[in-house]
Amino acid sequence: MRGRYAAIGVRVVRATEAVSSRPATTAEAEALGCSPGQCVTAVERTHYDDAGRPVETSDTVLRGDRWRLEYRVTFGTG
């Protein structure tokens, strides 16, 4: 994704994610092979350029019983 934007002169420098759990909609349940109302994990991600402008968003929905999300948190010195 960053390479795609770099090719058009946009430098993507950060992303934010909002992670939540909620019941699956009927359409999501059909696509994911689960029951409507079953718990899913929803991830909303937004990418930002070096001026702080949002340049791309994505919404990902995963079955809550089959996925585990893991994040790395790096702390600067000082």
PDB file of N, CA and C in Angstrom:
ATOM      1  N   MET A   1       0.823  -1.179   0.000  1.00  0.00           N
ATOM      2  CA  MET A   1       0.000   0.000   0.000  1.00  0.00           C
ATOM      3  C   MET A   1       0.870   1.245   0.000  1.00  0.00           C
ATOM      4  N   ARG A   2       1.891   1.287   0.833  1.00  0.00           N
ATOM      5  CA  ARG A   2       2.758   2.472   0.880  1.00  0.00           C
ATOM      6  C   ARG A   2       3.474   2.672  -0.446  1.00  0.00           C
ATOM      7  N   GLY A   3       3.899   1.582  -1.081  1.00  0.00           N
ATOM      8  CA  GLY A   3       4.565   1.680  -2.372  1.00  0.00           C
ATOM      9  C   GLY A   3       3.652   2.229  -3.452  1.00  0.00           C
ATOM     10  N   ARG A   4       2.401   1.832  -3.418  1.00  0.00           N
ATOM     11  CA  ARG A   4       1.409   2.311  -4.374  1.00  0.00           C
ATOM     12  C   ARG A   4       1.248   3.826  -4.260  1.00  0.00           C
ATOM     13  N   TYR A   5       1.188   4.324  -3.051  1.00  0.00           N
ATOM     14  CA  TYR A   5       1.066   5.765  -2.859  1.00  0.00           C
ATOM     15  C   TYR A   5       2.366   6.489  -3.175  1.00  0.00           C
ATOM     16  N   ALA A   6       3.496   5.894  -2.832  1.00  0.00           N
ATOM     17  CA  ALA A   6       4.784   6.515  -3.150  1.00  0.00           C
ATOM     18  C   ALA A   6       4.922   6.722  -4.654  1.00  0.00           C
ATOM     19  N   ALA A   7       4.384   5.806  -5.443  1.00  0.00           N
ATOM     20  CA  ALA A   7       4.461   5.909  -6.906  1.00  0.00           C
ATOM     21  C   ALA A   7       3.733   7.139  -7.430  1.00  0.00           C
ATOM     22  N   ILE A   8       2.785   7.678  -6.658  1.00  0.00           N
ATOM     23  CA  ILE A   8       2.083   8.882  -7.099  1.00  0.00           C
ATOM     24  C   ILE A   8       2.476  10.099  -6.250  1.00  0.00           C
ATOM     25  N   GLY A   9       3.591   9.965  -5.508  1.00  0.00           N
ATOM     26  CA  GLY A   9       4.127  11.092  -4.759  1.00  0.00           C
ATOM     27  C   GLY A   9       3.520  11.346  -3.397  1.00  0.00           C
ATOM     28  N   VAL A  10       2.821  10.370  -2.840  1.00  0.00           N
ATOM     29  CA  VAL A  10       2.214  10.521  -1.514  1.00  0.00           C
ATOM     30  C   VAL A  10       2.985   9.655  -0.535  1.00  0.00           C
ATOM     31  N   ARG A  11       3.485  10.267   0.538  1.00  0.00           N
ATOM     32  CA  ARG A  11       4.252   9.533   1.550  1.00  0.00           C
ATOM     33  C   ARG A  11       3.338   9.178   2.724  1.00  0.00           C
ATOM     34  N   VAL A  12       3.010   7.905   2.857  1.00  0.00           N
ATOM     35  CA  VAL A  12       2.166   7.429   3.965  1.00  0.00           C
ATOM     36  C   VAL A  12       3.081   7.166   5.160  1.00  0.00           C
ATOM     37  N   VAL A  13       2.758   7.814   6.297  1.00  0.00           N
ATOM     38  CA  VAL A  13       3.652   7.733   7.446  1.00  0.00           C
ATOM     39  C   VAL A  13       3.061   7.057   8.677  1.00  0.00           C
ATOM     40  N   ARG A  14       1.731   6.936   8.722  1.00  0.00           N
ATOM     41  CA  ARG A  14       1.151   6.277   9.900  1.00  0.00           C
ATOM     42  C   ARG A  14      -0.244   5.764   9.574  1.00  0.00           C
ATOM     43  N   ALA A  15      -0.726   4.931  10.469  1.00  0.00           N
ATOM     44  CA  ALA A  15      -2.087   4.406  10.352  1.00  0.00           C
ATOM     45  C   ALA A  15      -2.675   4.310  11.749  1.00  0.00           C
ATOM     46  N   THR A  16      -3.982   4.419  11.825  1.00  0.00           N
ATOM     47  CA  THR A  16      -4.682   4.180  13.080  1.00  0.00           C
ATOM     48  C   THR A  16      -5.682   3.048  12.848  1.00  0.00           C
ATOM     49  N   GLU A  17      -5.952   2.307  13.909  1.00  0.00           N
ATOM     50  CA  GLU A  17      -6.945   1.241  13.835  1.00  0.00           C
ATOM     51  C   GLU A  17      -7.903   1.366  15.001  1.00  0.00           C
ATOM     52  N   ALA A  18      -9.173   1.164  14.716  1.00  0.00           N
ATOM     53  CA  ALA A  18     -10.199   1.064  15.745  1.00  0.00           C
ATOM     54  C   ALA A  18     -10.729  -0.366  15.677  1.00  0.00           C
ATOM     55  N   VAL A  19     -10.604  -1.090  16.779  1.00  0.00           N
ATOM     56  CA  VAL A  19     -10.990  -2.503  16.829  1.00  0.00           C
ATOM     57  C   VAL A  19     -12.186  -2.648  17.754  1.00  0.00           C
ATOM     58  N   SER A  20     -13.212  -3.357  17.271  1.00  0.00           N
ATOM     59  CA  SER A  20     -14.407  -3.564  18.092  1.00  0.00           C
ATOM     60  C   SER A  20     -14.970  -4.959  17.851  1.00  0.00           C
ATOM     61  N   SER A  21     -15.826  -5.379  18.736  1.00  0.00           N
ATOM     62  CA  SER A  21     -16.569  -6.631  18.589  1.00  0.00           C
ATOM     63  C   SER A  21     -18.041  -6.285  18.500  1.00  0.00           C
ATOM     64  N   ARG A  22     -18.744  -7.014  17.651  1.00  0.00           N
ATOM     65  CA  ARG A  22     -20.169  -6.755  17.473  1.00  0.00           C
ATOM     66  C   ARG A  22     -20.820  -7.967  16.825  1.00  0.00           C
ATOM     67  N   PRO A  23     -22.155  -8.013  16.791  1.00  0.00           N
ATOM     68  CA  PRO A  23     -22.849  -9.115  16.130  1.00  0.00           C
ATOM     69  C   PRO A  23     -22.709  -9.006  14.605  1.00  0.00           C
ATOM     70  N   ALA A  24     -22.573 -10.139  13.943  1.00  0.00           N
ATOM     71  CA  ALA A  24     -22.498 -10.182  12.482  1.00  0.00           C
ATOM     72  C   ALA A  24     -23.842  -9.835  11.867  1.00  0.00           C
ATOM     73  N   THR A  25     -23.797  -9.078  10.774  1.00  0.00           N
ATOM     74  CA  THR A  25     -25.017  -8.845  10.000  1.00  0.00           C
ATOM     75  C   THR A  25     -25.336 -10.119   9.220  1.00  0.00           C
ATOM     76  N   THR A  26     -26.501 -10.177   8.632  1.00  0.00           N
ATOM     77  CA  THR A  26     -26.869 -11.346   7.828  1.00  0.00           C
ATOM     78  C   THR A  26     -25.906 -11.524   6.662  1.00  0.00           C
ATOM     79  N   ALA A  27     -25.581 -10.446   5.951  1.00  0.00           N
ATOM     80  CA  ALA A  27     -24.657 -10.535   4.813  1.00  0.00           C
ATOM     81  C   ALA A  27     -23.268 -10.968   5.253  1.00  0.00           C
ATOM     82  N   GLU A  28     -22.781 -10.440   6.370  1.00  0.00           N
ATOM     83  CA  GLU A  28     -21.462 -10.836   6.878  1.00  0.00           C
ATOM     84  C   GLU A  28     -21.461 -12.301   7.275  1.00  0.00           C
ATOM     85  N   ALA A  29     -22.528 -12.745   7.937  1.00  0.00           N
ATOM     86  CA  ALA A  29     -22.618 -14.142   8.363  1.00  0.00           C
ATOM     87  C   ALA A  29     -22.572 -15.077   7.159  1.00  0.00           C
ATOM     88  N   GLU A  30     -23.265 -14.724   6.082  1.00  0.00           N
ATOM     89  CA  GLU A  30     -23.240 -15.549   4.872  1.00  0.00           C
ATOM     90  C   GLU A  30     -21.830 -15.606   4.291  1.00  0.00           C
ATOM     91  N   ALA A  31     -21.152 -14.473   4.226  1.00  0.00           N
ATOM     92  CA  ALA A  31     -19.803 -14.426   3.660  1.00  0.00           C
ATOM     93  C   ALA A  31     -18.779 -15.139   4.536  1.00  0.00           C
ATOM     94  N   LEU A  32     -18.968 -15.089   5.855  1.00  0.00           N
ATOM     95  CA  LEU A  32     -17.996 -15.668   6.778  1.00  0.00           C
ATOM     96  C   LEU A  32     -18.322 -17.101   7.194  1.00  0.00           C
ATOM     97  N   GLY A  33     -19.490 -17.586   6.818  1.00  0.00           N
ATOM     98  CA  GLY A  33     -19.871 -18.950   7.180  1.00  0.00           C
ATOM     99  C   GLY A  33     -20.223 -19.108   8.644  1.00  0.00           C
ATOM    100  N   CYS A  34     -20.907 -18.121   9.188  1.00  0.00           N
ATOM    101  CA  CYS A  34     -21.335 -18.205  10.582  1.00  0.00           C
ATOM    102  C   CYS A  34     -22.808 -17.811  10.665  1.00  0.00           C
ATOM    103  N   SER A  35     -23.324 -17.703  11.859  1.00  0.00           N
ATOM    104  CA  SER A  35     -24.734 -17.363  12.057  1.00  0.00           C
ATOM    105  C   SER A  35     -24.899 -15.860  12.228  1.00  0.00           C
ATOM    106  N   PRO A  36     -25.988 -15.300  11.717  1.00  0.00           N
ATOM    107  CA  PRO A  36     -26.257 -13.881  11.989  1.00  0.00           C
ATOM    108  C   PRO A  36     -26.299 -13.663  13.500  1.00  0.00           C
ATOM    109  N   GLY A  37     -25.694 -12.594  13.950  1.00  0.00           N
ATOM    110  CA  GLY A  37     -25.648 -12.310  15.376  1.00  0.00           C
ATOM    111  C   GLY A  37     -24.429 -12.868  16.077  1.00  0.00           C
ATOM    112  N   GLN A  38     -23.706 -13.799  15.421  1.00  0.00           N
ATOM    113  CA  GLN A  38     -22.480 -14.333  16.018  1.00  0.00           C
ATOM    114  C   GLN A  38     -21.463 -13.208  16.142  1.00  0.00           C
ATOM    115  N   CYS A  39     -20.615 -13.276  17.141  1.00  0.00           N
ATOM    116  CA  CYS A  39     -19.642 -12.222  17.401  1.00  0.00           C
ATOM    117  C   CYS A  39     -18.580 -12.169  16.297  1.00  0.00           C
ATOM    118  N   VAL A  40     -18.347 -10.962  15.767  1.00  0.00           N
ATOM    119  CA  VAL A  40     -17.274 -10.726  14.809  1.00  0.00           C
ATOM    120  C   VAL A  40     -16.373  -9.631  15.364  1.00  0.00           C
ATOM    121  N   THR A  41     -15.160  -9.589  14.867  1.00  0.00           N
ATOM    122  CA  THR A  41     -14.223  -8.530  15.194  1.00  0.00           C
ATOM    123  C   THR A  41     -14.135  -7.613  13.986  1.00  0.00           C
ATOM    124  N   ALA A  42     -14.355  -6.330  14.210  1.00  0.00           N
ATOM    125  CA  ALA A  42     -14.319  -5.345  13.126  1.00  0.00           C
ATOM    126  C   ALA A  42     -13.096  -4.451  13.322  1.00  0.00           C
ATOM    127  N   VAL A  43     -12.323  -4.268  12.257  1.00  0.00           N
ATOM    128  CA  VAL A  43     -11.128  -3.432  12.297  1.00  0.00           C
ATOM    129  C   VAL A  43     -11.282  -2.323  11.261  1.00  0.00           C
ATOM    130  N   GLU A  44     -11.303  -1.093  11.728  1.00  0.00           N
ATOM    131  CA  GLU A  44     -11.357   0.073  10.839  1.00  0.00           C
ATOM    132  C   GLU A  44      -9.961   0.702  10.833  1.00  0.00           C
ATOM    133  N   ARG A  45      -9.308   0.725   9.663  1.00  0.00           N
ATOM    134  CA  ARG A  45      -7.948   1.257   9.557  1.00  0.00           C
ATOM    135  C   ARG A  45      -7.951   2.476   8.643  1.00  0.00           C
ATOM    136  N   THR A  46      -7.228   3.518   9.060  1.00  0.00           N
ATOM    137  CA  THR A  46      -7.058   4.721   8.252  1.00  0.00           C
ATOM    138  C   THR A  46      -5.570   5.012   8.126  1.00  0.00           C
ATOM    139  N   HIS A  47      -5.114   5.237   6.894  1.00  0.00           N
ATOM    140  CA  HIS A  47      -3.718   5.595   6.613  1.00  0.00           C
ATOM    141  C   HIS A  47      -3.632   7.097   6.393  1.00  0.00           C
ATOM    142  N   TYR A  48      -2.541   7.710   6.886  1.00  0.00           N
ATOM    143  CA  TYR A  48      -2.347   9.154   6.795  1.00  0.00           C
ATOM    144  C   TYR A  48      -1.032   9.478   6.102  1.00  0.00           C
ATOM    145  N   ASP A  49      -1.044  10.611   5.374  1.00  0.00           N
ATOM    146  CA  ASP A  49       0.202  11.051   4.731  1.00  0.00           C
ATOM    147  C   ASP A  49       1.003  11.923   5.699  1.00  0.00           C
ATOM    148  N   ASP A  50       2.152  12.409   5.233  1.00  0.00           N
ATOM    149  CA  ASP A  50       3.035  13.173   6.111  1.00  0.00           C
ATOM    150  C   ASP A  50       2.498  14.560   6.458  1.00  0.00           C
ATOM    151  N   ALA A  51       1.406  14.983   5.822  1.00  0.00           N
ATOM    152  CA  ALA A  51       0.747  16.241   6.184  1.00  0.00           C
ATOM    153  C   ALA A  51      -0.418  15.993   7.144  1.00  0.00           C
ATOM    154  N   GLY A  52      -0.640  14.736   7.538  1.00  0.00           N
ATOM    155  CA  GLY A  52      -1.714  14.396   8.464  1.00  0.00           C
ATOM    156  C   GLY A  52      -3.059  14.158   7.812  1.00  0.00           C
ATOM    157  N   ARG A  53      -3.095  14.129   6.482  1.00  0.00           N
ATOM    158  CA  ARG A  53      -4.362  13.905   5.767  1.00  0.00           C
ATOM    159  C   ARG A  53      -4.651  12.413   5.646  1.00  0.00           C
ATOM    160  N   PRO A  54      -5.888  11.997   5.877  1.00  0.00           N
ATOM    161  CA  PRO A  54      -6.240  10.591   5.630  1.00  0.00           C
ATOM    162  C   PRO A  54      -6.233  10.330   4.125  1.00  0.00           C
ATOM    163  N   VAL A  55      -5.580   9.235   3.707  1.00  0.00           N
ATOM    164  CA  VAL A  55      -5.479   8.936   2.273  1.00  0.00           C
ATOM    165  C   VAL A  55      -6.136   7.618   1.889  1.00  0.00           C
ATOM    166  N   GLU A  56      -6.388   6.741   2.859  1.00  0.00           N
ATOM    167  CA  GLU A  56      -7.043   5.475   2.545  1.00  0.00           C
ATOM    168  C   GLU A  56      -7.644   4.906   3.818  1.00  0.00           C
ATOM    169  N   THR A  57      -8.805   4.297   3.689  1.00  0.00           N
ATOM    170  CA  THR A  57      -9.422   3.607   4.811  1.00  0.00           C
ATOM    171  C   THR A  57      -9.796   2.197   4.387  1.00  0.00           C
ATOM    172  N   SER A  58      -9.885   1.318   5.359  1.00  0.00           N
ATOM    173  CA  SER A  58     -10.354  -0.039   5.082  1.00  0.00           C
ATOM    174  C   SER A  58     -11.132  -0.540   6.291  1.00  0.00           C
ATOM    175  N   ASP A  59     -12.105  -1.375   6.018  1.00  0.00           N
ATOM    176  CA  ASP A  59     -12.893  -2.026   7.063  1.00  0.00           C
ATOM    177  C   ASP A  59     -12.749  -3.529   6.871  1.00  0.00           C
ATOM    178  N   THR A  60     -12.295  -4.215   7.904  1.00  0.00           N
ATOM    179  CA  THR A  60     -12.120  -5.660   7.858  1.00  0.00           C
ATOM    180  C   THR A  60     -12.993  -6.288   8.927  1.00  0.00           C
ATOM    181  N   VAL A  61     -13.711  -7.344   8.563  1.00  0.00           N
ATOM    182  CA  VAL A  61     -14.562  -8.052   9.524  1.00  0.00           C
ATOM    183  C   VAL A  61     -14.106  -9.501   9.572  1.00  0.00           C
ATOM    184  N   LEU A  62     -13.800  -9.978  10.773  1.00  0.00           N
ATOM    185  CA  LEU A  62     -13.298 -11.337  10.994  1.00  0.00           C
ATOM    186  C   LEU A  62     -14.210 -12.071  11.965  1.00  0.00           C
ATOM    187  N   ARG A  63     -14.309 -13.373  11.791  1.00  0.00           N
ATOM    188  CA  ARG A  63     -15.050 -14.159  12.788  1.00  0.00           C
ATOM    189  C   ARG A  63     -14.327 -14.070  14.121  1.00  0.00           C
ATOM    190  N   GLY A  64     -15.076 -13.716  15.144  1.00  0.00           N
ATOM    191  CA  GLY A  64     -14.484 -13.558  16.462  1.00  0.00           C
ATOM    192  C   GLY A  64     -13.953 -14.845  17.062  1.00  0.00           C
ATOM    193  N   ASP A  65     -14.472 -15.997  16.623  1.00  0.00           N
ATOM    194  CA  ASP A  65     -14.050 -17.272  17.201  1.00  0.00           C
ATOM    195  C   ASP A  65     -12.874 -17.904  16.464  1.00  0.00           C
ATOM    196  N   ARG A  66     -12.360 -17.273  15.428  1.00  0.00           N
ATOM    197  CA  ARG A  66     -11.284 -17.896  14.645  1.00  0.00           C
ATOM    198  C   ARG A  66     -10.035 -17.048  14.508  1.00  0.00           C
ATOM    199  N   TRP A  67     -10.049 -15.833  14.994  1.00  0.00           N
ATOM    200  CA  TRP A  67      -8.914 -14.938  14.811  1.00  0.00           C
ATOM    201  C   TRP A  67      -8.505 -14.307  16.125  1.00  0.00           C
ATOM    202  N   ARG A  68      -7.235 -14.044  16.245  1.00  0.00           N
ATOM    203  CA  ARG A  68      -6.683 -13.312  17.371  1.00  0.00           C
ATOM    204  C   ARG A  68      -5.867 -12.167  16.792  1.00  0.00           C
ATOM    205  N   LEU A  69      -6.104 -10.974  17.247  1.00  0.00           N
ATOM    206  CA  LEU A  69      -5.346  -9.825  16.788  1.00  0.00           C
ATOM    207  C   LEU A  69      -4.178  -9.590  17.736  1.00  0.00           C
ATOM    208  N   GLU A  70      -3.018  -9.277  17.167  1.00  0.00           N
ATOM    209  CA  GLU A  70      -1.832  -9.014  17.971  1.00  0.00           C
ATOM    210  C   GLU A  70      -1.188  -7.731  17.473  1.00  0.00           C
ATOM    211  N   TYR A  71      -0.782  -6.878  18.396  1.00  0.00           N
ATOM    212  CA  TYR A  71      -0.159  -5.610  18.057  1.00  0.00           C
ATOM    213  C   TYR A  71       1.177  -5.477  18.748  1.00  0.00           C
ATOM    214  N   ARG A  72       2.104  -4.829  18.080  1.00  0.00           N
ATOM    215  CA  ARG A  72       3.397  -4.506  18.672  1.00  0.00           C
ATOM    216  C   ARG A  72       3.382  -3.027  18.997  1.00  0.00           C
ATOM    217  N   VAL A  73       3.799  -2.688  20.206  1.00  0.00           N
ATOM    218  CA  VAL A  73       3.873  -1.295  20.632  1.00  0.00           C
ATOM    219  C   VAL A  73       5.330  -0.982  20.894  1.00  0.00           C
ATOM    220  N   THR A  74       5.874  -0.008  20.172  1.00  0.00           N
ATOM    221  CA  THR A  74       7.258   0.391  20.322  1.00  0.00           C
ATOM    222  C   THR A  74       7.302   1.749  21.013  1.00  0.00           C
ATOM    223  N   PHE A  75       8.113   1.858  22.056  1.00  0.00           N
ATOM    224  CA  PHE A  75       8.255   3.101  22.781  1.00  0.00           C
ATOM    225  C   PHE A  75       9.583   3.742  22.435  1.00  0.00           C
ATOM    226  N   GLY A  76       9.547   5.040  22.170  1.00  0.00           N
ATOM    227  CA  GLY A  76      10.788   5.773  21.886  1.00  0.00           C
ATOM    228  C   GLY A  76      11.610   5.927  23.146  1.00  0.00           C
ATOM    229  N   THR A  77      12.857   6.291  22.985  1.00  0.00           N
ATOM    230  CA  THR A  77      13.732   6.511  24.157  1.00  0.00           C
ATOM    231  C   THR A  77      13.501   7.895  24.701  1.00  0.00           C
ATOM    232  N   GLY A  78      13.716   8.051  25.989  1.00  0.00           N
ATOM    233  CA  GLY A  78      13.629   9.379  26.589  1.00  0.00           C
ATOM    234  C   GLY A  78      12.423   9.632  27.285  1.00  0.00           C
TER     235      GLY A  78
END
